[in-house]
Amino acid sequence: MSTIDEIRDRLSALEPVSIEIGDDSALHAGHVGAAGGGGHYRLRIVAKCFHGKNTVARHRLVYDALGDLMRTRIHALAIQALTADEA
């Protein structure tokens, strides 16, 4: 399974209304993290579970859902976590 598919699969636990994942790894070729095998990704996720939560709490939900991917296959992740009203 590709890393993007794995990210999408794990984030399904947050019951997203929408999810967009981009792979920016090629832009970071030669970067130390890229050399270690971890990719650079960008995420835009819209979910009801973010309602009433600040940015840090929203990011924690994402990190918790991704688990060990954050220490292995993902070196960097730019997150935009929104509620449906914010999107």
PDB file of N, CA and C in Angstrom:
ATOM      1  N   MET A   1       0.852  -1.173   0.000  1.00  0.00           N
ATOM      2  CA  MET A   1       0.000   0.000   0.000  1.00  0.00           C
ATOM      3  C   MET A   1       0.901   1.241   0.000  1.00  0.00           C
ATOM      4  N   SER A   2       0.564   2.222  -0.828  1.00  0.00           N
ATOM      5  CA  SER A   2       1.363   3.445  -0.884  1.00  0.00           C
ATOM      6  C   SER A   2       1.189   4.231   0.420  1.00  0.00           C
ATOM      7  N   THR A   3       2.116   5.118   0.691  1.00  0.00           N
ATOM      8  CA  THR A   3       2.037   5.932   1.905  1.00  0.00           C
ATOM      9  C   THR A   3       0.772   6.790   1.888  1.00  0.00           C
ATOM     10  N   ILE A   4       0.434   7.360   0.760  1.00  0.00           N
ATOM     11  CA  ILE A   4      -0.784   8.176   0.680  1.00  0.00           C
ATOM     12  C   ILE A   4      -2.020   7.327   0.971  1.00  0.00           C
ATOM     13  N   ASP A   5      -2.074   6.120   0.435  1.00  0.00           N
ATOM     14  CA  ASP A   5      -3.202   5.229   0.717  1.00  0.00           C
ATOM     15  C   ASP A   5      -3.251   4.870   2.204  1.00  0.00           C
ATOM     16  N   GLU A   6      -2.090   4.658   2.794  1.00  0.00           N
ATOM     17  CA  GLU A   6      -2.015   4.326   4.221  1.00  0.00           C
ATOM     18  C   GLU A   6      -2.463   5.514   5.068  1.00  0.00           C
ATOM     19  N   ILE A   7      -2.048   6.721   4.703  1.00  0.00           N
ATOM     20  CA  ILE A   7      -2.482   7.925   5.412  1.00  0.00           C
ATOM     21  C   ILE A   7      -4.006   8.042   5.330  1.00  0.00           C
ATOM     22  N   ARG A   8      -4.546   7.911   4.129  1.00  0.00           N
ATOM     23  CA  ARG A   8      -5.989   8.013   3.920  1.00  0.00           C
ATOM     24  C   ARG A   8      -6.737   6.951   4.750  1.00  0.00           C
ATOM     25  N   ASP A   9      -6.215   5.742   4.754  1.00  0.00           N
ATOM     26  CA  ASP A   9      -6.839   4.647   5.488  1.00  0.00           C
ATOM     27  C   ASP A   9      -6.861   4.936   6.990  1.00  0.00           C
ATOM     28  N   ARG A  10      -5.744   5.376   7.519  1.00  0.00           N
ATOM     29  CA  ARG A  10      -5.673   5.634   8.959  1.00  0.00           C
ATOM     30  C   ARG A  10      -6.511   6.837   9.369  1.00  0.00           C
ATOM     31  N   LEU A  11      -6.567   7.845   8.529  1.00  0.00           N
ATOM     32  CA  LEU A  11      -7.351   9.034   8.855  1.00  0.00           C
ATOM     33  C   LEU A  11      -8.856   8.793   8.733  1.00  0.00           C
ATOM     34  N   SER A  12      -9.246   7.683   8.147  1.00  0.00           N
ATOM     35  CA  SER A  12     -10.677   7.360   8.062  1.00  0.00           C
ATOM     36  C   SER A  12     -11.280   7.216   9.459  1.00  0.00           C
ATOM     37  N   ALA A  13     -10.458   6.943  10.465  1.00  0.00           N
ATOM     38  CA  ALA A  13     -10.926   6.847  11.847  1.00  0.00           C
ATOM     39  C   ALA A  13     -11.509   8.173  12.337  1.00  0.00           C
ATOM     40  N   LEU A  14     -11.101   9.285  11.721  1.00  0.00           N
ATOM     41  CA  LEU A  14     -11.614  10.602  12.089  1.00  0.00           C
ATOM     42  C   LEU A  14     -12.917  10.938  11.350  1.00  0.00           C
ATOM     43  N   GLU A  15     -13.375  10.028  10.518  1.00  0.00           N
ATOM     44  CA  GLU A  15     -14.590  10.182   9.727  1.00  0.00           C
ATOM     45  C   GLU A  15     -14.604  11.514   8.966  1.00  0.00           C
ATOM     46  N   PRO A  16     -13.598  11.719   8.114  1.00  0.00           N
ATOM     47  CA  PRO A  16     -13.515  12.996   7.399  1.00  0.00           C
ATOM     48  C   PRO A  16     -14.646  13.191   6.394  1.00  0.00           C
ATOM     49  N   VAL A  17     -15.064  14.440   6.266  1.00  0.00           N
ATOM     50  CA  VAL A  17     -16.020  14.835   5.245  1.00  0.00           C
ATOM     51  C   VAL A  17     -15.286  14.907   3.910  1.00  0.00           C
ATOM     52  N   SER A  18     -14.054  15.420   3.964  1.00  0.00           N
ATOM     53  CA  SER A  18     -13.194  15.428   2.785  1.00  0.00           C
ATOM     54  C   SER A  18     -11.746  15.355   3.229  1.00  0.00           C
ATOM     55  N   ILE A  19     -10.924  14.875   2.322  1.00  0.00           N
ATOM     56  CA  ILE A  19      -9.500  14.729   2.610  1.00  0.00           C
ATOM     57  C   ILE A  19      -8.716  14.881   1.310  1.00  0.00           C
ATOM     58  N   GLU A  20      -7.678  15.683   1.353  1.00  0.00           N
ATOM     59  CA  GLU A  20      -6.777  15.865   0.217  1.00  0.00           C
ATOM     60  C   GLU A  20      -5.353  15.670   0.725  1.00  0.00           C
ATOM     61  N   ILE A  21      -4.596  14.838   0.030  1.00  0.00           N
ATOM     62  CA  ILE A  21      -3.220  14.558   0.425  1.00  0.00           C
ATOM     63  C   ILE A  21      -2.321  14.791  -0.775  1.00  0.00           C
ATOM     64  N   GLY A  22      -1.284  15.577  -0.576  1.00  0.00           N
ATOM     65  CA  GLY A  22      -0.311  15.833  -1.629  1.00  0.00           C
ATOM     66  C   GLY A  22       1.058  15.340  -1.210  1.00  0.00           C
ATOM     67  N   ASP A  23       1.809  14.850  -2.151  1.00  0.00           N
ATOM     68  CA  ASP A  23       3.165  14.355  -1.896  1.00  0.00           C
ATOM     69  C   ASP A  23       4.162  15.382  -2.432  1.00  0.00           C
ATOM     70  N   ASP A  24       4.866  16.040  -1.523  1.00  0.00           N
ATOM     71  CA  ASP A  24       5.866  17.039  -1.885  1.00  0.00           C
ATOM     72  C   ASP A  24       7.293  16.505  -1.752  1.00  0.00           C
ATOM     73  N   SER A  25       7.438  15.205  -1.657  1.00  0.00           N
ATOM     74  CA  SER A  25       8.747  14.594  -1.422  1.00  0.00           C
ATOM     75  C   SER A  25       9.773  14.976  -2.480  1.00  0.00           C
ATOM     76  N   ALA A  26       9.364  15.047  -3.737  1.00  0.00           N
ATOM     77  CA  ALA A  26      10.307  15.362  -4.810  1.00  0.00           C
ATOM     78  C   ALA A  26      10.904  16.754  -4.644  1.00  0.00           C
ATOM     79  N   LEU A  27      10.183  17.644  -3.989  1.00  0.00           N
ATOM     80  CA  LEU A  27      10.681  19.000  -3.764  1.00  0.00           C
ATOM     81  C   LEU A  27      11.788  19.042  -2.714  1.00  0.00           C
ATOM     82  N   HIS A  28      11.942  17.944  -1.982  1.00  0.00           N
ATOM     83  CA  HIS A  28      12.902  17.893  -0.885  1.00  0.00           C
ATOM     84  C   HIS A  28      14.010  16.876  -1.135  1.00  0.00           C
ATOM     85  N   ALA A  29      14.233  16.524  -2.376  1.00  0.00           N
ATOM     86  CA  ALA A  29      15.298  15.564  -2.712  1.00  0.00           C
ATOM     87  C   ALA A  29      16.620  16.079  -2.167  1.00  0.00           C
ATOM     88  N   GLY A  30      17.367  15.202  -1.538  1.00  0.00           N
ATOM     89  CA  GLY A  30      18.648  15.573  -0.962  1.00  0.00           C
ATOM     90  C   GLY A  30      18.546  16.032   0.478  1.00  0.00           C
ATOM     91  N   HIS A  31      17.347  16.276   0.950  1.00  0.00           N
ATOM     92  CA  HIS A  31      17.107  16.677   2.331  1.00  0.00           C
ATOM     93  C   HIS A  31      17.382  15.472   3.232  1.00  0.00           C
ATOM     94  N   VAL A  32      17.886  15.705   4.431  1.00  0.00           N
ATOM     95  CA  VAL A  32      18.239  14.622   5.349  1.00  0.00           C
ATOM     96  C   VAL A  32      17.061  13.674   5.577  1.00  0.00           C
ATOM     97  N   GLY A  33      15.864  14.225   5.790  1.00  0.00           N
ATOM     98  CA  GLY A  33      14.692  13.377   6.022  1.00  0.00           C
ATOM     99  C   GLY A  33      14.353  12.528   4.827  1.00  0.00           C
ATOM    100  N   ALA A  34      14.528  13.084   3.638  1.00  0.00           N
ATOM    101  CA  ALA A  34      14.252  12.326   2.418  1.00  0.00           C
ATOM    102  C   ALA A  34      15.249  11.194   2.268  1.00  0.00           C
ATOM    103  N   ALA A  35      16.486  11.439   2.659  1.00  0.00           N
ATOM    104  CA  ALA A  35      17.515  10.400   2.563  1.00  0.00           C
ATOM    105  C   ALA A  35      17.191   9.230   3.475  1.00  0.00           C
ATOM    106  N   GLY A  36      16.507   9.517   4.593  1.00  0.00           N
ATOM    107  CA  GLY A  36      16.135   8.460   5.527  1.00  0.00           C
ATOM    108  C   GLY A  36      14.888   7.700   5.108  1.00  0.00           C
ATOM    109  N   GLY A  37      14.277   8.082   4.009  1.00  0.00           N
ATOM    110  CA  GLY A  37      13.123   7.367   3.491  1.00  0.00           C
ATOM    111  C   GLY A  37      11.789   7.985   3.831  1.00  0.00           C
ATOM    112  N   GLY A  38      11.773   8.971   4.707  1.00  0.00           N
ATOM    113  CA  GLY A  38      10.509   9.606   5.071  1.00  0.00           C
ATOM    114  C   GLY A  38      10.090  10.637   4.046  1.00  0.00           C
ATOM    115  N   GLY A  39       8.820  10.643   3.706  1.00  0.00           N
ATOM    116  CA  GLY A  39       8.320  11.578   2.705  1.00  0.00           C
ATOM    117  C   GLY A  39       7.800  12.866   3.316  1.00  0.00           C
ATOM    118  N   HIS A  40       7.612  13.861   2.463  1.00  0.00           N
ATOM    119  CA  HIS A  40       7.053  15.165   2.825  1.00  0.00           C
ATOM    120  C   HIS A  40       5.652  15.246   2.210  1.00  0.00           C
ATOM    121  N   TYR A  41       4.654  15.436   3.063  1.00  0.00           N
ATOM    122  CA  TYR A  41       3.274  15.435   2.602  1.00  0.00           C
ATOM    123  C   TYR A  41       2.537  16.679   3.085  1.00  0.00           C
ATOM    124  N   ARG A  42       1.457  16.987   2.369  1.00  0.00           N
ATOM    125  CA  ARG A  42       0.567  18.077   2.766  1.00  0.00           C
ATOM    126  C   ARG A  42      -0.834  17.484   2.848  1.00  0.00           C
ATOM    127  N   LEU A  43      -1.549  17.896   3.900  1.00  0.00           N
ATOM    128  CA  LEU A  43      -2.854  17.324   4.194  1.00  0.00           C
ATOM    129  C   LEU A  43      -3.871  18.429   4.432  1.00  0.00           C
ATOM    130  N   ARG A  44      -5.008  18.305   3.790  1.00  0.00           N
ATOM    131  CA  ARG A  44      -6.170  19.157   4.085  1.00  0.00           C
ATOM    132  C   ARG A  44      -7.299  18.198   4.417  1.00  0.00           C
ATOM    133  N   ILE A  45      -7.759  18.273   5.658  1.00  0.00           N
ATOM    134  CA  ILE A  45      -8.794  17.359   6.125  1.00  0.00           C
ATOM    135  C   ILE A  45      -9.917  18.154   6.778  1.00  0.00           C
ATOM    136  N   VAL A  46     -11.128  17.788   6.437  1.00  0.00           N
ATOM    137  CA  VAL A  46     -12.330  18.417   6.999  1.00  0.00           C
ATOM    138  C   VAL A  46     -13.079  17.322   7.755  1.00  0.00           C
ATOM    139  N   ALA A  47     -13.328  17.576   9.048  1.00  0.00           N
ATOM    140  CA  ALA A  47     -14.010  16.566   9.863  1.00  0.00           C
ATOM    141  C   ALA A  47     -14.778  17.228  11.001  1.00  0.00           C
ATOM    142  N   LYS A  48     -15.894  16.622  11.375  1.00  0.00           N
ATOM    143  CA  LYS A  48     -16.713  17.125  12.478  1.00  0.00           C
ATOM    144  C   LYS A  48     -15.970  17.063  13.803  1.00  0.00           C
ATOM    145  N   CYS A  49     -15.065  16.097  13.958  1.00  0.00           N
ATOM    146  CA  CYS A  49     -14.379  15.910  15.233  1.00  0.00           C
ATOM    147  C   CYS A  49     -13.474  17.088  15.601  1.00  0.00           C
ATOM    148  N   PHE A  50     -13.218  17.988  14.669  1.00  0.00           N
ATOM    149  CA  PHE A  50     -12.382  19.160  14.951  1.00  0.00           C
ATOM    150  C   PHE A  50     -13.177  20.301  15.586  1.00  0.00           C
ATOM    151  N   HIS A  51     -14.503  20.199  15.568  1.00  0.00           N
ATOM    152  CA  HIS A  51     -15.352  21.265  16.103  1.00  0.00           C
ATOM    153  C   HIS A  51     -15.010  21.531  17.573  1.00  0.00           C
ATOM    154  N   GLY A  52     -14.790  22.799  17.911  1.00  0.00           N
ATOM    155  CA  GLY A  52     -14.502  23.193  19.282  1.00  0.00           C
ATOM    156  C   GLY A  52     -13.082  22.946  19.737  1.00  0.00           C
ATOM    157  N   LYS A  53     -12.229  22.455  18.843  1.00  0.00           N
ATOM    158  CA  LYS A  53     -10.835  22.163  19.192  1.00  0.00           C
ATOM    159  C   LYS A  53      -9.909  23.198  18.552  1.00  0.00           C
ATOM    160  N   ASN A  54      -8.845  23.550  19.267  1.00  0.00           N
ATOM    161  CA  ASN A  54      -7.863  24.475  18.706  1.00  0.00           C
ATOM    162  C   ASN A  54      -6.925  23.732  17.753  1.00  0.00           C
ATOM    163  N   THR A  55      -6.040  24.462  17.128  1.00  0.00           N
ATOM    164  CA  THR A  55      -5.145  23.877  16.120  1.00  0.00           C
ATOM    165  C   THR A  55      -4.297  22.748  16.692  1.00  0.00           C
ATOM    166  N   VAL A  56      -3.740  22.946  17.864  1.00  0.00           N
ATOM    167  CA  VAL A  56      -2.882  21.915  18.467  1.00  0.00           C
ATOM    168  C   VAL A  56      -3.674  20.632  18.721  1.00  0.00           C
ATOM    169  N   ALA A  57      -4.874  20.760  19.257  1.00  0.00           N
ATOM    170  CA  ALA A  57      -5.704  19.577  19.530  1.00  0.00           C
ATOM    171  C   ALA A  57      -6.081  18.859  18.230  1.00  0.00           C
ATOM    172  N   ARG A  58      -6.349  19.611  17.188  1.00  0.00           N
ATOM    173  CA  ARG A  58      -6.681  19.018  15.888  1.00  0.00           C
ATOM    174  C   ARG A  58      -5.490  18.245  15.334  1.00  0.00           C
ATOM    175  N   HIS A  59      -4.301  18.843  15.424  1.00  0.00           N
ATOM    176  CA  HIS A  59      -3.100  18.179  14.930  1.00  0.00           C
ATOM    177  C   HIS A  59      -2.815  16.914  15.729  1.00  0.00           C
ATOM    178  N   ARG A  60      -3.056  16.960  17.030  1.00  0.00           N
ATOM    179  CA  ARG A  60      -2.854  15.756  17.852  1.00  0.00           C
ATOM    180  C   ARG A  60      -3.765  14.621  17.397  1.00  0.00           C
ATOM    181  N   LEU A  61      -4.998  14.944  17.044  1.00  0.00           N
ATOM    182  CA  LEU A  61      -5.917  13.911  16.543  1.00  0.00           C
ATOM    183  C   LEU A  61      -5.358  13.271  15.270  1.00  0.00           C
ATOM    184  N   VAL A  62      -4.823  14.104  14.389  1.00  0.00           N
ATOM    185  CA  VAL A  62      -4.235  13.599  13.148  1.00  0.00           C
ATOM    186  C   VAL A  62      -3.019  12.733  13.460  1.00  0.00           C
ATOM    187  N   TYR A  63      -2.111  13.241  14.305  1.00  0.00           N
ATOM    188  CA  TYR A  63      -0.904  12.478  14.648  1.00  0.00           C
ATOM    189  C   TYR A  63      -1.254  11.150  15.311  1.00  0.00           C
ATOM    190  N   ASP A  64      -2.239  11.175  16.211  1.00  0.00           N
ATOM    191  CA  ASP A  64      -2.647   9.931  16.872  1.00  0.00           C
ATOM    192  C   ASP A  64      -3.186   8.919  15.875  1.00  0.00           C
ATOM    193  N   ALA A  65      -3.966   9.389  14.913  1.00  0.00           N
ATOM    194  CA  ALA A  65      -4.522   8.484  13.899  1.00  0.00           C
ATOM    195  C   ALA A  65      -3.421   7.900  13.011  1.00  0.00           C
ATOM    196  N   LEU A  66      -2.396   8.696  12.723  1.00  0.00           N
ATOM    197  CA  LEU A  66      -1.310   8.221  11.846  1.00  0.00           C
ATOM    198  C   LEU A  66      -0.325   7.326  12.586  1.00  0.00           C
ATOM    199  N   GLY A  67      -0.236   7.464  13.894  1.00  0.00           N
ATOM    200  CA  GLY A  67       0.603   6.587  14.709  1.00  0.00           C
ATOM    201  C   GLY A  67       2.047   6.522  14.250  1.00  0.00           C
ATOM    202  N   ASP A  68       2.541   5.300  14.059  1.00  0.00           N
ATOM    203  CA  ASP A  68       3.951   5.073  13.739  1.00  0.00           C
ATOM    204  C   ASP A  68       4.367   5.582  12.362  1.00  0.00           C
ATOM    205  N   LEU A  69       3.420   5.918  11.503  1.00  0.00           N
ATOM    206  CA  LEU A  69       3.797   6.483  10.200  1.00  0.00           C
ATOM    207  C   LEU A  69       4.585   7.779  10.387  1.00  0.00           C
ATOM    208  N   MET A  70       4.284   8.497  11.476  1.00  0.00           N
ATOM    209  CA  MET A  70       4.967   9.765  11.737  1.00  0.00           C
ATOM    210  C   MET A  70       6.431   9.549  12.119  1.00  0.00           C
ATOM    211  N   ARG A  71       6.790   8.349  12.493  1.00  0.00           N
ATOM    212  CA  ARG A  71       8.184   8.060  12.847  1.00  0.00           C
ATOM    213  C   ARG A  71       8.906   7.253  11.780  1.00  0.00           C
ATOM    214  N   THR A  72       8.164   6.851  10.760  1.00  0.00           N
ATOM    215  CA  THR A  72       8.780   5.982   9.754  1.00  0.00           C
ATOM    216  C   THR A  72       8.626   6.541   8.346  1.00  0.00           C
ATOM    217  N   ARG A  73       7.445   6.446   7.773  1.00  0.00           N
ATOM    218  CA  ARG A  73       7.243   6.787   6.364  1.00  0.00           C
ATOM    219  C   ARG A  73       6.942   8.260   6.108  1.00  0.00           C
ATOM    220  N   ILE A  74       6.675   9.024   7.190  1.00  0.00           N
ATOM    221  CA  ILE A  74       6.417  10.452   7.044  1.00  0.00           C
ATOM    222  C   ILE A  74       7.495  11.225   7.786  1.00  0.00           C
ATOM    223  N   HIS A  75       8.217  12.060   7.043  1.00  0.00           N
ATOM    224  CA  HIS A  75       9.226  12.922   7.677  1.00  0.00           C
ATOM    225  C   HIS A  75       8.612  14.276   8.029  1.00  0.00           C
ATOM    226  N   ALA A  76       7.772  14.798   7.156  1.00  0.00           N
ATOM    227  CA  ALA A  76       7.146  16.097   7.377  1.00  0.00           C
ATOM    228  C   ALA A  76       5.706  16.056   6.879  1.00  0.00           C
ATOM    229  N   LEU A  77       4.832  16.708   7.651  1.00  0.00           N
ATOM    230  CA  LEU A  77       3.416  16.744   7.286  1.00  0.00           C
ATOM    231  C   LEU A  77       2.863  18.133   7.577  1.00  0.00           C
ATOM    232  N   ALA A  78       2.470  18.837   6.535  1.00  0.00           N
ATOM    233  CA  ALA A  78       1.814  20.139   6.677  1.00  0.00           C
ATOM    234  C   ALA A  78       0.314  19.866   6.784  1.00  0.00           C
ATOM    235  N   ILE A  79      -0.281  20.279   7.883  1.00  0.00           N
ATOM    236  CA  ILE A  79      -1.679  19.940   8.151  1.00  0.00           C
ATOM    237  C   ILE A  79      -2.565  21.179   8.133  1.00  0.00           C
ATOM    238  N   GLN A  80      -3.660  21.063   7.408  1.00  0.00           N
ATOM    239  CA  GLN A  80      -4.749  22.033   7.485  1.00  0.00           C
ATOM    240  C   GLN A  80      -5.972  21.221   7.917  1.00  0.00           C
ATOM    241  N   ALA A  81      -6.370  21.367   9.170  1.00  0.00           N
ATOM    242  CA  ALA A  81      -7.484  20.600   9.731  1.00  0.00           C
ATOM    243  C   ALA A  81      -8.641  21.557  10.006  1.00  0.00           C
ATOM    244  N   LEU A  82      -9.762  21.331   9.354  1.00  0.00           N
ATOM    245  CA  LEU A  82     -10.886  22.250   9.386  1.00  0.00           C
ATOM    246  C   LEU A  82     -12.198  21.551   9.732  1.00  0.00           C
ATOM    247  N   THR A  83     -13.150  22.333  10.242  1.00  0.00           N
ATOM    248  CA  THR A  83     -14.518  21.851  10.357  1.00  0.00           C
ATOM    249  C   THR A  83     -15.221  22.167   9.042  1.00  0.00           C
ATOM    250  N   ALA A  84     -16.387  21.612   8.845  1.00  0.00           N
ATOM    251  CA  ALA A  84     -17.127  21.879   7.604  1.00  0.00           C
ATOM    252  C   ALA A  84     -17.463  23.366   7.477  1.00  0.00           C
ATOM    253  N   ASP A  85     -17.773  24.038   8.582  1.00  0.00           N
ATOM    254  CA  ASP A  85     -18.080  25.463   8.544  1.00  0.00           C
ATOM    255  C   ASP A  85     -16.864  26.294   8.116  1.00  0.00           C
ATOM    256  N   GLU A  86     -15.680  25.865   8.492  1.00  0.00           N
ATOM    257  CA  GLU A  86     -14.457  26.587   8.153  1.00  0.00           C
ATOM    258  C   GLU A  86     -14.028  26.347   6.713  1.00  0.00           C
ATOM    259  N   ALA A  87     -14.386  25.183   6.201  1.00  0.00           N
ATOM    260  CA  ALA A  87     -13.993  24.833   4.842  1.00  0.00           C
ATOM    261  C   ALA A  87     -14.818  25.610   3.854  1.00  0.00           C
TER     262      ALA A  87
END
